[in-house]
Amino acid sequence: MGTHLSPSPVLFAAVQRVIMAIPVVVYLILVSPRSFKHLLHRFPAFVTISVFEIVAFICFLKSLETLLVSYAIAAKRSNVLLSVIVGRVVFKEKIWKKLPFVILMVAGMVLIILA
């Protein structure tokens, strides 16, 4: 709903993310200043991650303009498969306990798309 009231999806995504970040930053400054200093030390990495996340969010908002909501949500939720694969390849996680649930989610996504 906020996207339709905003002049642009980019502005909406940026403002929403800044508003969501303010309480977290204030909390870190007050409760754990060392954690906040760690964030500042890794600032370029966090900015890069944030830019990719905002681009993904904007793509999702744009998809809502052309697709049915159920299709857009199913496509958005398909990232769980990629997350599990990256966790296995990059971090050497044991995925065998997670795999049945991932397969169930992907099957549900396929059923939504085929419906």
Protein backbone atom coordinates (compact mmCIF):
# COMPACT_ATOMS: atom_id res chain seq x y z
CA MET A 1 0.00 0.00 0.00
CA GLY A 2 2.83 2.40 0.80
CA THR A 3 4.28 1.95 -2.67
CA HIS A 4 1.12 3.25 -4.31
CA LEU A 5 1.17 6.38 -2.15
CA SER A 6 4.86 7.07 -2.73
CA PRO A 7 6.13 9.02 -5.75
CA SER A 8 8.56 6.21 -6.59
CA PRO A 9 9.35 2.67 -5.42
CA VAL A 10 13.00 3.63 -4.94
CA LEU A 11 12.09 6.42 -2.54
CA PHE A 12 9.66 4.16 -0.69
CA ALA A 13 12.28 1.38 -0.31
CA ALA A 14 15.00 3.77 0.82
CA VAL A 15 12.81 5.58 3.37
CA GLN A 16 11.40 2.33 4.73
CA ARG A 17 14.85 0.84 5.23
CA VAL A 18 16.21 3.98 6.91
CA ILE A 19 13.24 4.10 9.28
CA MET A 20 13.76 0.42 10.11
CA ALA A 21 17.50 0.96 10.73
CA ILE A 22 17.20 3.90 13.12
CA PRO A 23 15.99 1.89 16.18
CA VAL A 24 18.66 -0.76 15.59
CA VAL A 25 21.45 1.81 15.40
CA VAL A 26 20.20 3.63 18.51
CA TYR A 27 19.96 0.32 20.37
CA LEU A 28 23.51 -0.64 19.38
CA ILE A 29 24.89 2.74 20.42
CA LEU A 30 23.17 2.60 23.82
CA VAL A 31 23.53 -1.08 24.69
CA SER A 32 26.63 -2.26 22.87
CA PRO A 33 28.97 0.48 21.64
CA ARG A 34 31.59 -2.12 20.71
CA SER A 35 29.15 -3.74 18.27
CA PHE A 36 28.44 -0.35 16.75
CA LYS A 37 32.17 0.25 16.26
CA HIS A 38 32.39 -3.15 14.57
CA LEU A 39 29.62 -2.10 12.19
CA LEU A 40 31.46 1.12 11.37
CA HIS A 41 34.63 -0.86 10.70
CA ARG A 42 32.74 -3.03 8.18
CA PHE A 43 30.70 -0.15 6.74
CA PRO A 44 31.53 -0.71 3.02
CA ALA A 45 30.42 -4.34 3.23
CA PHE A 46 27.15 -3.36 4.92
CA VAL A 47 26.48 -0.67 2.33
CA THR A 48 27.02 -3.20 -0.46
CA ILE A 49 24.68 -5.71 1.17
CA SER A 50 22.12 -2.95 1.75
CA VAL A 51 22.20 -1.83 -1.87
CA PHE A 52 21.58 -5.39 -3.08
CA GLU A 53 18.77 -5.84 -0.58
CA ILE A 54 17.10 -2.58 -1.65
CA VAL A 55 17.39 -3.56 -5.32
CA ALA A 56 15.79 -6.93 -4.55
CA PHE A 57 13.00 -5.19 -2.62
CA ILE A 58 12.36 -2.77 -5.49
CA CYS A 59 12.24 -5.68 -7.95
CA PHE A 60 9.70 -7.37 -5.70
CA LEU A 61 7.57 -4.21 -5.53
CA LYS A 62 7.72 -3.87 -9.32
CA SER A 63 6.70 -7.52 -9.71
CA LEU A 64 3.59 -6.82 -7.65
CA GLU A 65 2.50 -4.36 -10.35
CA THR A 66 2.51 -7.01 -13.07
CA LEU A 67 2.00 -10.38 -11.33
CA LEU A 68 -0.58 -11.82 -9.02
CA VAL A 69 0.51 -11.46 -5.43
CA SER A 70 0.65 -15.22 -4.89
CA TYR A 71 3.10 -15.61 -7.78
CA ALA A 72 5.32 -12.78 -6.57
CA ILE A 73 5.40 -14.15 -3.03
CA ALA A 74 6.19 -17.65 -4.29
CA ALA A 75 9.08 -16.31 -6.36
CA LYS A 76 10.34 -14.28 -3.41
CA ARG A 77 10.26 -17.31 -1.11
CA SER A 78 12.23 -19.42 -3.59
CA ASN A 79 15.41 -17.82 -2.26
CA VAL A 80 15.37 -20.37 0.58
CA LEU A 81 16.72 -22.96 -1.84
CA LEU A 82 19.58 -20.68 -2.83
CA SER A 83 20.31 -19.88 0.82
CA VAL A 84 20.61 -23.55 1.73
CA ILE A 85 22.86 -24.28 -1.26
CA VAL A 86 25.12 -21.32 -0.47
CA GLY A 87 25.24 -22.41 3.17
CA ARG A 88 26.41 -25.85 2.10
CA VAL A 89 28.96 -24.67 -0.48
CA VAL A 90 30.39 -21.63 1.30
CA PHE A 91 29.98 -22.42 4.99
CA LYS A 92 30.07 -26.25 4.81
CA GLU A 93 26.78 -26.51 6.72
CA LYS A 94 25.09 -29.84 7.17
CA ILE A 95 21.88 -29.41 5.20
CA TRP A 96 20.42 -32.89 5.46
CA LYS A 97 18.12 -31.94 8.36
CA LYS A 98 16.93 -28.83 6.49
CA LEU A 99 16.51 -30.47 3.09
CA PRO A 100 13.03 -32.03 3.62
CA PHE A 101 11.65 -28.65 4.70
CA VAL A 102 13.27 -26.88 1.77
CA ILE A 103 11.82 -29.43 -0.63
CA LEU A 104 8.41 -28.95 0.98
CA MET A 105 8.64 -25.17 0.55
CA VAL A 106 9.75 -25.45 -3.06
CA ALA A 107 6.96 -27.95 -3.76
CA GLY A 108 4.45 -25.51 -2.26
CA MET A 109 5.84 -22.75 -4.44
CA VAL A 110 5.47 -24.93 -7.53
CA LEU A 111 1.88 -25.78 -6.57
CA ILE A 112 1.03 -22.10 -6.19
CA ILE A 113 2.50 -21.30 -9.58
CA LEU A 114 0.74 -24.23 -11.28
CA ALA A 115 -2.64 -23.45 -9.68
